[in-house]
């Protein structure tokens, strides 16, 4: 999966399940005759498993790969399930935040005020350290 290859090779954060599964299913894994090097498609899938914190699946499938018993269909299924699970978490969290829009805006406003106070103090300290004249801010 690679963004440089176009939209069919990208899984956005809020992608729907059917689309994720289709994209994973059509991803090229085998590059032809056996070599000593893992194909980029297979390596990418293993990285995705790690990124989704599916360490047990990663370890098990990597062991299968090392002994030559890896089934690409099983790897793809694990990757698809992991990405779907992650995407559903993002979609759920986005819905929560969207439903609490007023509260979120109030929090941002409050935190912005606090950040301005802290930044003003930091600027004052920096000016004093570098020897600039004090300002009456």
Protein backbone atom coordinates (compact mmCIF):
# COMPACT_ATOMS: atom_id res chain seq x y z
CA UNK A 1 0.00 0.00 0.00
CA UNK A 2 1.52 3.29 -1.08
CA UNK A 3 0.05 6.75 -1.41
CA UNK A 4 2.29 7.44 -4.40
CA UNK A 5 0.44 4.68 -6.31
CA UNK A 6 -2.93 6.45 -5.98
CA UNK A 7 -6.08 6.37 -3.87
CA UNK A 8 -6.67 2.62 -4.37
CA UNK A 9 -3.46 2.04 -2.42
CA UNK A 10 -4.29 4.24 0.58
CA UNK A 11 -6.46 3.54 3.63
CA UNK A 12 -7.63 6.85 5.12
CA UNK A 13 -8.24 6.97 8.88
CA UNK A 14 -12.04 7.00 8.53
CA UNK A 15 -12.31 4.44 5.72
CA UNK A 16 -15.33 2.14 5.73
CA UNK A 17 -14.90 -1.59 6.37
CA UNK A 18 -15.81 -2.81 2.89
CA UNK A 19 -13.33 -0.47 1.25
CA UNK A 20 -10.53 -1.41 3.66
CA UNK A 21 -11.06 -5.11 3.05
CA UNK A 22 -11.18 -4.62 -0.74
CA UNK A 23 -7.96 -2.57 -0.76
CA UNK A 24 -6.11 -5.07 1.41
CA UNK A 25 -7.36 -7.97 -0.70
CA UNK A 26 -6.07 -6.50 -3.98
CA UNK A 27 -2.68 -5.45 -2.60
CA UNK A 28 0.19 -7.27 -4.32
CA UNK A 29 2.10 -9.48 -1.90
CA UNK A 30 4.05 -11.92 -4.08
CA UNK A 31 6.65 -10.50 -6.44
CA UNK A 32 7.39 -13.68 -8.33
CA UNK A 33 10.15 -16.26 -7.90
CA UNK A 34 11.45 -16.80 -4.35
CA UNK A 35 14.28 -14.51 -3.27
CA UNK A 36 16.06 -14.05 0.03
CA UNK A 37 14.33 -10.72 0.46
CA UNK A 38 10.77 -10.15 1.70
CA UNK A 39 8.63 -8.41 -0.91
CA UNK A 40 7.69 -4.82 -0.14
CA UNK A 41 3.98 -5.71 -0.02
CA UNK A 42 4.52 -8.42 2.59
CA UNK A 43 6.92 -6.21 4.57
CA UNK A 44 4.34 -3.41 4.52
CA UNK A 45 1.66 -5.74 5.88
CA UNK A 46 3.94 -6.78 8.74
CA UNK A 47 4.60 -3.11 9.51
CA UNK A 48 0.87 -2.42 9.53
CA UNK A 49 0.32 -5.24 12.03
CA UNK A 50 2.95 -3.72 14.32
CA UNK A 51 1.48 -0.24 13.88
CA UNK A 52 -1.93 -1.60 14.90
CA UNK A 53 -0.32 -3.18 17.99
CA UNK A 54 -1.11 -6.72 16.82
CA UNK A 55 2.17 -8.11 18.10
CA UNK A 56 0.92 -11.68 18.63
CA UNK A 57 -0.40 -11.89 15.07
CA UNK A 58 2.80 -10.27 13.77
CA UNK A 59 5.01 -12.75 15.62
CA UNK A 60 2.97 -15.79 14.61
CA UNK A 61 2.76 -14.80 10.94
CA UNK A 62 6.43 -13.82 10.84
CA UNK A 63 7.33 -17.26 12.17
CA UNK A 64 5.21 -18.78 9.40
CA UNK A 65 7.02 -16.58 6.87
CA UNK A 66 10.45 -17.62 8.15
CA UNK A 67 9.67 -21.34 7.78
CA UNK A 68 8.03 -20.84 4.39
CA UNK A 69 4.49 -21.62 5.60
CA UNK A 70 2.95 -18.14 5.38
CA UNK A 71 -0.43 -18.00 3.66
CA UNK A 72 -0.94 -14.57 2.13
CA UNK A 73 -4.68 -14.91 2.60
CA UNK A 74 -4.17 -15.28 6.36
CA UNK A 75 -1.78 -12.31 6.45
CA UNK A 76 -4.24 -10.18 4.50
CA UNK A 77 -7.14 -11.20 6.73
CA UNK A 78 -5.19 -10.24 9.86
CA UNK A 79 -4.16 -6.90 8.36
CA UNK A 80 -7.69 -6.14 7.18
CA UNK A 81 -9.16 -7.00 10.59
CA UNK A 82 -6.58 -4.82 12.32
CA UNK A 83 -7.17 -1.84 10.04
CA UNK A 84 -10.95 -2.19 10.31
CA UNK A 85 -10.73 -2.28 14.10
CA UNK A 86 -8.49 0.79 14.15
CA UNK A 87 -10.69 2.67 11.70
CA UNK A 88 -13.80 1.92 13.77
CA UNK A 89 -12.05 3.34 16.84
CA UNK A 90 -11.26 6.53 14.91
CA UNK A 91 -14.80 6.80 13.56
CA UNK A 92 -16.27 6.28 17.03
CA UNK A 93 -13.97 8.85 18.62
CA UNK A 94 -14.72 11.37 15.85
CA UNK A 95 -18.46 10.90 16.44
CA UNK A 96 -17.96 11.49 20.18
CA UNK A 97 -16.06 14.68 19.52
CA UNK A 98 -18.55 15.87 16.93
CA UNK A 99 -21.42 15.34 19.37
CA UNK A 100 -19.65 17.44 22.01
CA UNK A 101 -18.67 20.29 19.70
CA UNK A 102 -19.70 23.09 22.09
CA UNK A 103 -17.77 21.56 24.99
CA UNK A 104 -14.70 21.02 22.81
CA UNK A 105 -14.75 24.64 21.60
CA UNK A 106 -14.96 25.83 25.20
CA UNK A 107 -12.00 23.64 26.13
CA UNK A 108 -9.96 24.96 23.21
CA UNK A 109 -10.79 28.55 24.18
CA UNK A 110 -9.81 27.96 27.82
CA UNK A 111 -6.61 26.16 26.87
CA UNK A 112 -5.72 28.92 24.39
CA UNK A 113 -6.04 31.55 27.11
CA UNK A 114 -3.78 29.50 29.38
CA UNK A 115 -1.27 28.96 26.57
CA UNK A 116 -1.10 32.70 25.91
CA UNK A 117 -0.30 33.38 29.58
CA UNK A 118 2.42 30.71 29.59
CA UNK A 119 3.86 31.95 26.29
CA UNK A 120 3.97 35.53 27.59
CA UNK A 121 5.95 34.37 30.64
CA UNK A 122 8.31 32.31 28.49
CA UNK A 123 8.95 35.23 26.14
CA UNK A 124 9.67 37.46 29.14
CA UNK A 125 12.19 34.93 30.52
CA UNK A 126 13.87 34.52 27.12
CA UNK A 127 14.21 38.29 26.67
CA UNK A 128 15.82 38.56 30.09
CA UNK A 129 18.22 35.69 29.30
CA UNK A 130 19.38 37.16 26.01
CA UNK A 131 19.67 40.66 27.46
CA UNK A 132 16.86 42.46 25.69
CA UNK A 133 15.29 45.34 27.46
CA UNK A 134 12.25 44.55 29.53
CA UNK A 135 8.96 45.55 27.97
CA UNK A 136 5.88 46.67 29.78
CA UNK A 137 3.60 43.95 28.41
